[in-house]
Amino acid sequence: MPDERFLVVKLGSLGDVVFALPAVAALRDAHPDARIDWVVERRWYPLLERNPDLTDVVILDRDSTGSFCFAAWRLRTRHYTCAIDFQGLYKSAFLARFSGAPERIGLSRRFAREPAASLFYTRRVSPTRQHMVERNLEMVAPLGARNSRYRFPLHVRPEAEARLGEKLATEGVEDYFVLSPGGGWRSKCWPPERYGALHRELARRTGLRGVVSYAPGERELAEAVQRAAGSPEPAVVDIDVAQLMALVRRARFVVAGDSGPLHLAGAFGTPVVGLYGPTPPERNGPFNAADVVVRNARPEETTFHRGTEYSPSLLSITVEQVVAAVERRLGRLA
């Protein structure tokens, strides 16, 4: 098709954007001369910066009606031939529809996060694969794209790398591992006391200190891990998304729940140990087959309900289990 113009709609969040990268890479491989733009919330722009598969990135301010309207108008002026909505929300589906693209691909009602969003699409996909990376690839398969190499083309800003180095130097940290205790909602999280005990054991066995990563609003959680760990205490540093990219890329390994930092680390090839409770790792787990998942949940405990209490299946995971998983992933700890 001449003058192909594709619009990718994936507004956030961290893990969701990372999981969509291989699909867009496959789209570029199939259409090397096409225009491919991605509309994303401003916070997640560093994940797409200097992405060789994209022609442009359209930034959306999450809480600004004016920004939303301006972005929608800007999209419409570009005369896209096809929009692919990986998000499955009313907001993302509206952007795809308002772009004016005559072909709009999205999830079927059964799979969309907000089912009625599927009414905005001209082609609805019902994924058959399990993992989100592969499901996203199914979204672009109608456009001739295939999952050739699973590329995650992430670029770390040199200034973010330098700023992170300064912050870690202030804490006396050079070589480190990362603990990420957050997870969006509590039922996906392992308690901070367990992370603290894990840090003590990993620091003793590796001679490394940990760095606790946290999202906005999770500073108190990170400091709870720090208090529980005792001496040597893990470092808690305030970083943005660009610095988080640098942090997990440089880490020896990352231990985290089903969360953005885990998926970001996996995309960089950093060794990962994932702690899973109610959410299924087959769908949301590390994509690298070498990474290790710790999960004790029974099949009937699988759910995406946003629980406000720690899940019994995550509480059943012991520090010893996680230490053994780290050792299995690395081959040895000492």
Protein backbone atom coordinates (compact mmCIF):
# COMPACT_ATOMS: atom_id res chain seq x y z
CA MET A 1 0.00 0.00 0.00
CA PRO A 2 1.53 3.41 -0.95
CA ASP A 3 2.03 6.12 1.68
CA GLU A 4 1.27 3.88 4.67
CA ARG A 5 0.75 5.83 7.88
CA PHE A 6 0.29 3.94 11.13
CA LEU A 7 -0.77 5.34 14.49
CA VAL A 8 0.11 3.32 17.59
CA VAL A 9 -2.02 4.07 20.64
CA LYS A 10 -0.53 2.87 23.92
CA LEU A 11 -0.77 5.63 26.49
CA GLY A 12 0.81 3.80 29.47
CA SER A 13 1.77 2.37 31.84
CA LEU A 14 5.44 1.36 32.11
CA GLY A 15 5.05 -2.39 31.68
CA ASP A 16 2.31 -2.00 29.07
CA VAL A 17 4.50 0.25 26.91
CA VAL A 18 7.44 -2.16 27.22
CA PHE A 19 5.27 -5.11 26.23
CA ALA A 20 4.15 -3.28 23.05
CA LEU A 21 7.66 -2.50 21.80
CA PRO A 22 8.26 -5.83 19.96
CA ALA A 23 4.95 -5.50 18.11
CA VAL A 24 5.87 -2.04 16.84
CA ALA A 25 9.34 -3.34 15.90
CA ALA A 26 7.67 -6.11 13.90
CA LEU A 27 5.41 -3.54 12.24
CA ARG A 28 8.49 -1.55 11.21
CA ASP A 29 10.16 -4.67 9.82
CA ALA A 30 7.07 -5.37 7.71
CA HIS A 31 6.71 -1.76 6.55
CA PRO A 32 10.20 -0.21 6.43
CA ASP A 33 9.11 2.93 4.56
CA ALA A 34 5.88 3.65 6.45
CA ARG A 35 5.22 6.49 8.87
CA ILE A 36 4.75 5.03 12.36
CA ASP A 37 3.79 7.40 15.17
CA TRP A 38 3.03 6.54 18.80
CA VAL A 39 0.82 8.57 21.14
CA VAL A 40 1.81 8.18 24.81
CA GLU A 41 1.40 9.95 28.14
CA ARG A 42 4.22 12.37 28.89
CA ARG A 43 5.53 10.41 31.88
CA TRP A 44 6.39 7.43 29.68
CA TYR A 45 8.05 9.34 26.84
CA PRO A 46 11.61 8.28 27.89
CA LEU A 47 10.65 4.69 27.01
CA LEU A 48 10.14 5.74 23.38
CA GLU A 49 12.86 8.34 23.01
CA ARG A 50 15.13 7.73 20.01
CA ASN A 51 13.25 4.56 19.12
CA PRO A 52 14.43 3.71 15.57
CA ASP A 53 11.11 2.06 14.73
CA LEU A 54 9.14 5.30 15.21
CA THR A 55 8.78 8.33 12.99
CA ASP A 56 7.42 10.52 15.79
CA VAL A 57 6.03 10.41 19.33
CA VAL A 58 2.92 12.44 20.18
CA ILE A 59 2.89 13.34 23.87
CA LEU A 60 -0.30 13.45 25.90
CA ASP A 61 -0.54 15.16 29.29
CA ARG A 62 -2.59 12.76 31.35
CA ASP A 63 -4.65 15.22 33.39
CA SER A 64 -5.04 18.00 30.84
CA THR A 65 -8.19 18.24 28.74
CA GLY A 66 -6.47 20.82 26.56
CA SER A 67 -3.54 18.50 25.90
CA PHE A 68 -5.92 15.67 25.02
CA CYS A 69 -7.84 17.83 22.54
CA PHE A 70 -4.63 19.21 21.02
CA ALA A 71 -3.19 15.71 20.63
CA ALA A 72 -6.41 14.49 19.02
CA TRP A 73 -6.36 17.40 16.56
CA ARG A 74 -2.67 16.83 15.81
CA LEU A 75 -3.32 13.18 15.05
CA ARG A 76 -6.16 14.04 12.70
CA THR A 77 -3.96 16.29 10.59
CA ARG A 78 -1.58 13.42 9.81
CA HIS A 79 -4.06 11.39 7.76
CA TYR A 80 -3.21 7.95 9.12
CA THR A 81 -4.25 4.95 7.07
CA CYS A 82 -4.45 2.67 10.12
CA ALA A 83 -4.57 3.08 13.91
CA ILE A 84 -3.70 0.23 16.28
CA ASP A 85 -5.07 0.63 19.81
CA PHE A 86 -3.13 -1.67 22.15
CA GLN A 87 -4.76 -0.11 25.24
CA GLY A 88 -8.43 -1.05 24.97
CA LEU A 89 -9.79 1.95 26.91
CA TYR A 90 -12.47 4.47 25.92
CA LYS A 91 -9.83 7.20 25.87
CA SER A 92 -7.42 5.30 23.64
CA ALA A 93 -10.21 4.06 21.37
CA PHE A 94 -11.49 7.62 20.97
CA LEU A 95 -8.03 8.81 19.94
CA ALA A 96 -7.84 6.04 17.36
CA ARG A 97 -11.29 6.95 16.03
CA PHE A 98 -10.71 10.70 16.05
CA SER A 99 -7.44 10.28 14.17
CA GLY A 100 -9.57 9.71 11.09
CA ALA A 101 -7.78 6.47 10.19
CA PRO A 102 -10.16 4.43 8.02
CA GLU A 103 -8.84 1.19 9.50
CA ARG A 104 -8.74 0.85 13.29
CA ILE A 105 -7.48 -2.32 14.94
CA GLY A 106 -8.22 -3.09 18.57
CA LEU A 107 -9.16 -5.81 20.99
CA SER A 108 -12.51 -7.55 20.83
CA ARG A 109 -15.09 -6.82 23.50
CA ARG A 110 -14.04 -9.85 25.53
CA PHE A 111 -10.40 -8.73 25.79
CA ALA A 112 -10.63 -4.92 25.92
CA ARG A 113 -10.11 -3.43 29.38
CA GLU A 114 -13.24 -1.35 28.80
CA PRO A 115 -15.37 -3.65 26.62
CA ALA A 116 -17.42 -0.98 24.83
CA ALA A 117 -14.17 0.53 23.49
CA SER A 118 -14.29 -2.21 20.84
CA LEU A 119 -17.18 -0.35 19.16
CA PHE A 120 -14.66 2.21 17.86
CA TYR A 121 -12.67 -0.36 15.86
CA THR A 122 -13.13 -1.61 12.31
CA ARG A 123 -11.19 -4.81 13.03
CA ARG A 124 -11.35 -6.59 16.39
CA VAL A 125 -8.71 -9.08 17.49
CA SER A 126 -9.30 -11.92 19.95
CA PRO A 127 -5.79 -13.00 21.01
CA THR A 128 -5.00 -16.69 21.27
CA ARG A 129 -1.51 -16.47 22.80
CA GLN A 130 -0.84 -16.18 26.53
CA HIS A 131 1.88 -13.61 27.10
CA MET A 132 1.12 -9.93 26.56
CA VAL A 133 4.12 -9.51 24.25
CA GLU A 134 2.74 -12.21 21.97
CA ARG A 135 -0.81 -10.90 22.27
CA ASN A 136 0.38 -7.50 21.11
CA LEU A 137 2.08 -9.17 18.16
CA GLU A 138 -1.27 -10.70 17.23
CA MET A 139 -2.65 -7.16 17.00
CA VAL A 140 -0.29 -6.29 14.14
CA ALA A 141 -0.42 -9.68 12.38
CA PRO A 142 -3.30 -8.49 10.12
CA LEU A 143 -0.85 -5.87 8.82
CA GLY A 144 1.69 -8.50 7.76
CA ALA A 145 3.92 -8.09 10.84
CA ARG A 146 5.56 -11.12 12.40
CA ASN A 147 7.47 -11.73 15.64
CA SER A 148 10.89 -12.03 14.06
CA ARG A 149 13.33 -10.90 16.77
CA TYR A 150 11.38 -9.53 19.76
CA ARG A 151 13.25 -6.22 19.79
CA PHE A 152 13.02 -3.89 22.79
CA PRO A 153 14.76 -0.76 21.42
CA LEU A 154 15.19 1.22 24.64
CA HIS A 155 17.58 4.16 24.81
CA VAL A 156 19.01 5.46 28.11
CA ARG A 157 19.72 9.17 28.14
CA PRO A 158 23.39 9.85 28.98
CA GLU A 159 22.36 12.66 31.30
CA ALA A 160 20.04 10.27 33.16
CA GLU A 161 22.90 7.79 33.51
CA ALA A 162 25.15 10.54 34.86
CA ARG A 163 22.56 11.87 37.29
CA LEU A 164 21.83 8.39 38.59
CA GLY A 165 25.55 7.80 39.10
CA GLU A 166 25.75 10.97 41.20
CA LYS A 167 22.82 9.89 43.37
CA LEU A 168 24.24 6.41 43.91
CA ALA A 169 27.69 7.82 44.71
CA THR A 170 26.10 10.01 47.39
CA GLU A 171 24.73 6.81 48.95
CA GLY A 172 28.09 5.04 48.60
CA VAL A 173 26.70 2.56 46.06
CA GLU A 174 28.57 1.33 42.99
CA ASP A 175 27.74 -2.32 42.31
CA TYR A 176 24.20 -3.20 43.35
CA PHE A 177 21.01 -5.19 42.91
CA VAL A 178 17.49 -3.73 42.82
CA LEU A 179 14.47 -4.53 44.95
CA SER A 180 11.15 -3.16 43.72
CA PRO A 181 8.41 -3.67 46.33
CA GLY A 182 5.59 -1.78 44.57
CA GLY A 183 3.03 -3.25 42.24
CA GLY A 184 0.09 -0.96 41.59
CA TRP A 185 -2.16 -2.62 44.15
CA ARG A 186 -1.37 -4.39 47.40
CA SER A 187 -2.56 -7.86 46.42
CA LYS A 188 0.32 -7.98 43.89
CA CYS A 189 2.92 -6.96 46.49
CA TRP A 190 5.20 -8.86 48.85
CA PRO A 191 5.41 -7.17 52.28
CA PRO A 192 8.25 -4.71 52.94
CA GLU A 193 9.37 -6.73 55.97
CA ARG A 194 10.08 -9.68 53.66
CA TYR A 195 12.02 -7.47 51.27
CA GLY A 196 14.04 -6.18 54.21
CA ALA A 197 14.91 -9.71 55.33
CA LEU A 198 15.72 -10.62 51.73
CA HIS A 199 18.09 -7.68 51.49
CA ARG A 200 19.96 -8.77 54.61
CA GLU A 201 20.49 -12.25 53.23
CA LEU A 202 21.40 -11.17 49.69
CA ALA A 203 23.80 -8.49 51.00
CA ARG A 204 25.46 -11.06 53.25
CA ARG A 205 25.87 -13.61 50.48
CA THR A 206 26.83 -11.30 47.59
CA GLY A 207 28.66 -8.46 49.34
CA LEU A 208 26.46 -6.03 47.38
CA ARG A 209 24.00 -3.44 48.58
CA GLY A 210 20.53 -3.16 47.22
CA VAL A 211 18.74 -0.14 45.81
CA VAL A 212 15.00 0.10 46.44
CA SER A 213 13.08 1.49 43.47
CA TYR A 214 9.67 3.01 43.95
CA ALA A 215 6.98 4.83 41.99
CA PRO A 216 5.42 8.19 42.88
CA GLY A 217 3.51 7.78 46.12
CA GLU A 218 5.56 4.77 47.24
CA ARG A 219 8.35 6.51 49.15
CA GLU A 220 6.93 5.32 52.46
CA LEU A 221 6.92 1.73 51.18
CA ALA A 222 10.57 2.01 50.10
CA GLU A 223 11.57 3.43 53.48
CA ALA A 224 9.73 0.57 55.22
CA VAL A 225 11.94 -1.86 53.30
CA GLN A 226 14.99 0.14 54.32
CA ARG A 227 14.03 0.09 58.00
CA ALA A 228 13.26 -3.61 57.93
CA ALA A 229 16.61 -4.42 56.32
CA GLY A 230 18.72 -2.94 59.09
CA SER A 231 22.46 -2.81 58.45
CA PRO A 232 23.70 -2.64 55.77
CA GLU A 233 20.63 -0.74 54.69
CA PRO A 234 19.58 -0.57 51.04
CA ALA A 235 19.72 2.80 49.32
CA VAL A 236 16.50 4.66 48.62
CA VAL A 237 16.92 7.28 45.89
CA ASP A 238 14.37 9.51 44.20
CA ILE A 239 14.52 8.88 40.43
CA ASP A 240 12.40 9.54 37.37
CA VAL A 241 11.57 7.10 34.57
CA ALA A 242 14.72 7.90 32.58
CA GLN A 243 16.90 7.25 35.66
CA LEU A 244 14.95 4.08 36.44
CA MET A 245 15.93 2.83 32.99
CA ALA A 246 19.58 3.46 33.83
CA LEU A 247 19.15 1.89 37.28
CA VAL A 248 17.76 -1.46 36.13
CA ARG A 249 20.07 -1.69 33.13
CA ARG A 250 23.16 -1.39 35.37
CA ALA A 251 21.87 -3.67 38.14
CA ARG A 252 23.37 -7.10 38.79
CA PHE A 253 19.82 -8.44 39.13
CA VAL A 254 16.30 -7.30 40.01
CA VAL A 255 13.76 -8.83 42.41
CA ALA A 256 10.24 -7.48 41.97
CA GLY A 257 6.58 -8.32 41.80
CA ASP A 258 4.39 -8.05 38.72
CA SER A 259 5.33 -4.44 38.01
CA GLY A 260 6.85 -2.04 35.50
CA PRO A 261 10.42 -2.18 36.86
CA LEU A 262 10.45 -5.97 36.47
CA HIS A 263 9.30 -5.78 32.84
CA LEU A 264 11.73 -2.95 32.10
CA ALA A 265 14.65 -4.90 33.56
CA GLY A 266 13.70 -7.93 31.50
CA ALA A 267 13.64 -5.83 28.32
CA PHE A 268 17.22 -4.74 29.03
CA GLY A 269 18.30 -8.34 29.63
CA THR A 270 19.04 -7.76 33.32
CA PRO A 271 18.54 -10.98 35.32
CA VAL A 272 15.11 -10.97 36.96
CA VAL A 273 13.37 -12.88 39.73
CA GLY A 274 9.63 -12.21 39.73
CA LEU A 275 7.37 -12.70 42.75
CA TYR A 276 3.84 -13.55 41.64
CA GLY A 277 0.63 -14.10 43.55
CA PRO A 278 -2.81 -13.66 41.97
CA THR A 279 -1.69 -12.49 38.52
CA PRO A 280 -0.52 -15.18 36.09
CA PRO A 281 3.14 -15.08 35.00
CA GLU A 282 2.15 -16.86 31.78
CA ARG A 283 0.49 -13.57 30.77
CA ASN A 284 2.40 -10.90 32.69
CA GLY A 285 5.63 -12.60 33.66
CA PRO A 286 9.23 -12.06 32.53
CA PHE A 287 9.49 -12.64 28.79
CA ASN A 288 13.08 -13.94 28.98
CA ALA A 289 12.95 -17.70 29.46
CA ALA A 290 16.11 -17.54 31.59
CA ASP A 291 14.42 -15.42 34.26
CA VAL A 292 12.84 -17.09 37.28
CA VAL A 293 9.34 -16.75 38.72
CA VAL A 294 8.42 -17.62 42.29
CA ARG A 295 4.72 -18.39 42.65
CA ASN A 296 2.79 -20.60 45.08
CA ALA A 297 -0.73 -19.66 43.96
CA ARG A 298 -3.22 -22.34 43.01
CA PRO A 299 -4.98 -21.96 39.62
CA GLU A 300 -8.23 -20.93 41.30
CA GLU A 301 -6.44 -18.03 43.01
CA THR A 302 -5.60 -16.37 39.68
CA THR A 303 -7.35 -13.02 39.37
CA PHE A 304 -6.86 -9.44 38.18
CA HIS A 305 -9.01 -8.04 40.97
CA ARG A 306 -7.24 -5.07 42.52
CA GLY A 307 -7.15 -6.30 46.08
CA THR A 308 -6.37 -3.91 48.94
CA GLU A 309 -4.80 -6.58 51.18
CA TYR A 310 -1.79 -8.83 50.74
CA SER A 311 -2.79 -12.00 48.93
CA PRO A 312 -2.33 -15.33 50.78
CA SER A 313 -0.46 -16.73 47.80
CA LEU A 314 2.18 -13.98 47.97
CA LEU A 315 2.38 -14.19 51.75
CA SER A 316 3.18 -17.89 51.35
CA ILE A 317 6.42 -17.03 49.49
CA THR A 318 9.36 -17.28 51.88
CA VAL A 319 12.62 -15.39 51.90
CA GLU A 320 14.41 -18.70 51.47
CA GLN A 321 12.43 -19.42 48.30
CA VAL A 322 13.44 -16.09 46.81
CA VAL A 323 17.11 -16.46 47.73
CA ALA A 324 17.11 -19.88 46.07
CA ALA A 325 15.47 -18.37 42.98
CA VAL A 326 18.12 -15.64 42.76
CA GLU A 327 20.82 -18.28 43.06
CA ARG A 328 19.16 -20.34 40.34
CA ARG A 329 18.95 -17.31 38.02
CA LEU A 330 22.57 -16.25 38.57
CA GLY A 331 24.11 -19.69 38.93
CA ARG A 332 25.72 -18.66 42.22
CA LEU A 333 25.59 -15.82 44.73
CA ALA A 334 28.98 -15.65 46.39
